[in-house]
């Protein structure tokens, strides 16, 4: 009887450990998917930032060209 009790206790402990391990694996999977979601969000933000910087550079170039054009016209008008 004691041997069977011991076997039952061992089986019960193995079952608990298996359950704990699967709970850990589920938590890891959940955290990994959360990490992936944040990475995707970061990628989108980085693209938006790059787009904004490119747009700013383009606008700055256009302003520079407009100033150059105005300056050139002023010089032509004076000559």
N, C-alpha and C. Protein backbone atom coordinates (compact mmCIF):
# COMPACT_ATOMS: atom_id res chain seq x y z
N UNK A 1 0.84 -1.20 0.00
CA UNK A 1 0.00 0.00 0.00
C UNK A 1 0.88 1.26 0.00
N UNK A 2 1.92 1.24 0.81
CA UNK A 2 2.81 2.41 0.85
C UNK A 2 3.48 2.65 -0.49
N UNK A 3 3.83 1.56 -1.17
CA UNK A 3 4.46 1.68 -2.48
C UNK A 3 3.51 2.35 -3.47
N UNK A 4 2.25 1.92 -3.43
CA UNK A 4 1.26 2.51 -4.34
C UNK A 4 1.00 3.98 -3.99
N UNK A 5 0.97 4.28 -2.70
CA UNK A 5 0.79 5.67 -2.27
C UNK A 5 1.94 6.53 -2.80
N UNK A 6 3.14 6.00 -2.68
CA UNK A 6 4.33 6.72 -3.15
C UNK A 6 4.26 6.92 -4.67
N UNK A 7 3.87 5.88 -5.40
CA UNK A 7 3.72 5.99 -6.86
C UNK A 7 2.68 7.04 -7.22
N UNK A 8 1.57 7.05 -6.47
CA UNK A 8 0.52 8.02 -6.72
C UNK A 8 1.03 9.44 -6.47
N UNK A 9 1.78 9.63 -5.38
CA UNK A 9 2.34 10.94 -5.06
C UNK A 9 3.30 11.41 -6.16
N UNK A 10 4.11 10.47 -6.65
CA UNK A 10 5.05 10.79 -7.73
C UNK A 10 4.30 11.20 -8.99
N UNK A 11 3.26 10.43 -9.33
CA UNK A 11 2.47 10.75 -10.53
C UNK A 11 1.80 12.12 -10.38
N UNK A 12 1.29 12.38 -9.16
CA UNK A 12 0.63 13.66 -8.90
C UNK A 12 1.63 14.82 -9.05
N UNK A 13 2.82 14.63 -8.52
CA UNK A 13 3.86 15.66 -8.61
C UNK A 13 4.26 15.89 -10.07
N UNK A 14 4.39 14.81 -10.85
CA UNK A 14 4.72 14.94 -12.27
C UNK A 14 3.63 15.71 -13.01
N UNK A 15 2.39 15.43 -12.66
CA UNK A 15 1.26 16.13 -13.29
C UNK A 15 1.33 17.63 -12.97
N UNK A 16 1.61 17.96 -11.70
CA UNK A 16 1.73 19.37 -11.30
C UNK A 16 2.85 20.06 -12.07
N UNK A 17 3.99 19.38 -12.16
CA UNK A 17 5.13 19.96 -12.87
C UNK A 17 4.81 20.17 -14.35
N UNK A 18 4.14 19.20 -14.95
CA UNK A 18 3.74 19.32 -16.36
C UNK A 18 2.81 20.51 -16.54
N UNK A 19 1.86 20.65 -15.61
CA UNK A 19 0.92 21.77 -15.68
C UNK A 19 1.65 23.10 -15.53
N UNK A 20 2.57 23.18 -14.56
CA UNK A 20 3.34 24.41 -14.36
C UNK A 20 4.19 24.73 -15.59
N UNK A 21 4.79 23.71 -16.17
CA UNK A 21 5.63 23.91 -17.36
C UNK A 21 4.80 24.42 -18.53
N UNK A 22 3.62 23.83 -18.73
CA UNK A 22 2.79 24.29 -19.85
C UNK A 22 2.28 25.72 -19.59
N UNK A 23 2.03 26.06 -18.32
CA UNK A 23 1.63 27.43 -18.00
C UNK A 23 2.78 28.40 -18.30
N UNK A 24 4.00 27.99 -17.98
CA UNK A 24 5.17 28.82 -18.29
C UNK A 24 5.31 29.01 -19.80
N UNK A 25 5.14 27.92 -20.55
CA UNK A 25 5.26 28.00 -22.01
C UNK A 25 4.20 28.93 -22.59
N UNK A 26 2.98 28.86 -22.03
CA UNK A 26 1.91 29.73 -22.51
C UNK A 26 2.25 31.19 -22.21
N UNK A 27 2.80 31.44 -21.03
CA UNK A 27 3.18 32.81 -20.65
C UNK A 27 4.29 33.32 -21.57
N UNK A 28 5.27 32.46 -21.85
CA UNK A 28 6.36 32.84 -22.76
C UNK A 28 5.81 33.17 -24.14
N UNK A 29 4.90 32.35 -24.63
CA UNK A 29 4.32 32.59 -25.96
C UNK A 29 3.54 33.91 -25.96
N UNK A 30 2.83 34.17 -24.88
CA UNK A 30 2.06 35.41 -24.78
C UNK A 30 3.00 36.62 -24.78
N UNK A 31 4.07 36.54 -24.00
CA UNK A 31 5.03 37.64 -23.95
C UNK A 31 5.74 37.83 -25.29
N UNK A 32 6.04 36.72 -25.97
CA UNK A 32 6.70 36.81 -27.27
C UNK A 32 5.80 37.50 -28.29
N UNK A 33 4.50 37.18 -28.25
CA UNK A 33 3.60 37.83 -29.20
C UNK A 33 3.45 39.31 -28.86
N UNK A 34 3.50 39.64 -27.57
CA UNK A 34 3.45 41.05 -27.17
C UNK A 34 4.70 41.79 -27.66
N UNK A 35 5.85 41.14 -27.53
CA UNK A 35 7.11 41.72 -28.02
C UNK A 35 7.03 41.94 -29.53
N UNK A 36 6.52 40.95 -30.25
CA UNK A 36 6.39 41.07 -31.71
C UNK A 36 5.48 42.24 -32.08
N UNK A 37 4.40 42.41 -31.30
CA UNK A 37 3.47 43.51 -31.56
C UNK A 37 4.19 44.85 -31.36
N UNK A 38 4.94 44.97 -30.28
CA UNK A 38 5.67 46.22 -30.03
C UNK A 38 6.74 46.47 -31.09
N UNK A 39 7.40 45.40 -31.54
CA UNK A 39 8.40 45.55 -32.61
C UNK A 39 7.74 46.08 -33.88
N UNK A 40 6.57 45.53 -34.22
CA UNK A 40 5.86 45.97 -35.41
C UNK A 40 5.46 47.44 -35.27
N UNK A 41 4.98 47.81 -34.07
CA UNK A 41 4.60 49.20 -33.83
C UNK A 41 5.82 50.12 -33.95
N UNK A 42 6.95 49.67 -33.43
CA UNK A 42 8.18 50.45 -33.53
C UNK A 42 8.61 50.61 -34.99
N UNK A 43 8.48 49.54 -35.78
CA UNK A 43 8.82 49.63 -37.20
C UNK A 43 7.97 50.68 -37.90
N UNK A 44 6.67 50.70 -37.57
CA UNK A 44 5.77 51.69 -38.18
C UNK A 44 6.20 53.10 -37.78
N UNK A 45 6.51 53.28 -36.49
CA UNK A 45 6.93 54.61 -36.03
C UNK A 45 8.23 55.04 -36.69
N UNK A 46 9.15 54.10 -36.86
CA UNK A 46 10.42 54.42 -37.51
C UNK A 46 10.18 54.85 -38.96
N UNK A 47 9.28 54.16 -39.66
CA UNK A 47 8.96 54.53 -41.04
C UNK A 47 8.34 55.92 -41.09
N UNK A 48 7.42 56.18 -40.14
CA UNK A 48 6.80 57.51 -40.10
C UNK A 48 7.85 58.58 -39.84
N UNK A 49 8.77 58.30 -38.93
CA UNK A 49 9.84 59.25 -38.61
C UNK A 49 10.71 59.52 -39.84
N UNK A 50 11.06 58.43 -40.55
CA UNK A 50 11.87 58.57 -41.76
C UNK A 50 11.12 59.40 -42.80
N UNK A 51 9.83 59.12 -42.96
CA UNK A 51 9.00 59.85 -43.91
C UNK A 51 8.95 61.33 -43.54
N UNK A 52 8.78 61.61 -42.24
CA UNK A 52 8.71 62.99 -41.77
C UNK A 52 10.02 63.71 -42.04
N UNK A 53 11.14 63.04 -41.74
CA UNK A 53 12.45 63.66 -41.99
C UNK A 53 12.65 63.92 -43.48
N UNK A 54 12.29 62.95 -44.32
CA UNK A 54 12.43 63.14 -45.76
C UNK A 54 11.59 64.32 -46.23
N UNK A 55 10.36 64.40 -45.71
CA UNK A 55 9.48 65.50 -46.08
C UNK A 55 10.05 66.83 -45.64
N UNK A 56 10.63 66.85 -44.44
CA UNK A 56 11.23 68.08 -43.93
C UNK A 56 12.42 68.49 -44.80
N UNK A 57 13.24 67.51 -45.18
CA UNK A 57 14.38 67.80 -46.04
C UNK A 57 13.93 68.34 -47.39
N UNK A 58 12.89 67.73 -47.94
CA UNK A 58 12.37 68.19 -49.24
C UNK A 58 11.85 69.62 -49.12
N UNK A 59 11.08 69.89 -48.03
CA UNK A 59 10.56 71.25 -47.84
C UNK A 59 11.70 72.25 -47.68
N UNK A 60 12.73 71.85 -46.94
CA UNK A 60 13.88 72.75 -46.74
C UNK A 60 14.56 73.03 -48.08
N UNK A 61 14.70 72.00 -48.90
CA UNK A 61 15.31 72.19 -50.22
C UNK A 61 14.46 73.12 -51.08
N UNK A 62 13.14 72.93 -51.02
CA UNK A 62 12.27 73.80 -51.81
C UNK A 62 12.37 75.24 -51.34
N UNK A 63 12.38 75.43 -50.03
CA UNK A 63 12.52 76.80 -49.51
C UNK A 63 13.85 77.40 -49.96
N UNK A 64 14.89 76.58 -49.91
CA UNK A 64 16.20 77.06 -50.35
C UNK A 64 16.18 77.46 -51.81
N UNK A 65 15.53 76.65 -52.65
CA UNK A 65 15.46 76.96 -54.08
C UNK A 65 14.65 78.22 -54.31
N UNK A 66 13.56 78.37 -53.57
CA UNK A 66 12.74 79.58 -53.72
C UNK A 66 13.55 80.81 -53.35
N UNK A 67 14.33 80.71 -52.27
CA UNK A 67 15.16 81.85 -51.87
C UNK A 67 16.20 82.15 -52.94
N UNK A 68 16.79 81.08 -53.50
CA UNK A 68 17.78 81.28 -54.57
C UNK A 68 17.13 81.94 -55.78
N UNK A 69 15.93 81.47 -56.13
CA UNK A 69 15.23 82.06 -57.28
C UNK A 69 14.92 83.53 -57.04
N UNK A 70 14.44 83.83 -55.84
CA UNK A 70 14.11 85.22 -55.51
C UNK A 70 15.37 86.08 -55.57
N UNK A 71 16.45 85.56 -55.00
CA UNK A 71 17.72 86.29 -54.99
C UNK A 71 18.21 86.52 -56.42
N UNK A 72 18.11 85.48 -57.26
CA UNK A 72 18.55 85.61 -58.66
C UNK A 72 17.71 86.65 -59.38
N UNK A 73 16.40 86.68 -59.14
CA UNK A 73 15.53 87.65 -59.80
C UNK A 73 15.85 89.07 -59.34
N UNK A 74 16.17 89.19 -58.03
CA UNK A 74 16.53 90.52 -57.52
C UNK A 74 17.80 91.02 -58.20
N UNK A 75 18.78 90.13 -58.35
CA UNK A 75 20.03 90.51 -59.00
C UNK A 75 19.77 90.91 -60.45
N UNK A 76 18.96 90.08 -61.15
CA UNK A 76 18.64 90.39 -62.55
C UNK A 76 17.95 91.74 -62.67
N UNK A 77 17.07 92.04 -61.72
CA UNK A 77 16.35 93.31 -61.74
C UNK A 77 17.28 94.48 -61.53
N UNK A 78 18.31 94.29 -60.76
CA UNK A 78 19.25 95.38 -60.48
C UNK A 78 20.21 95.60 -61.64
N UNK A 79 20.50 94.54 -62.38
CA UNK A 79 21.51 94.66 -63.43
C UNK A 79 20.95 95.32 -64.64
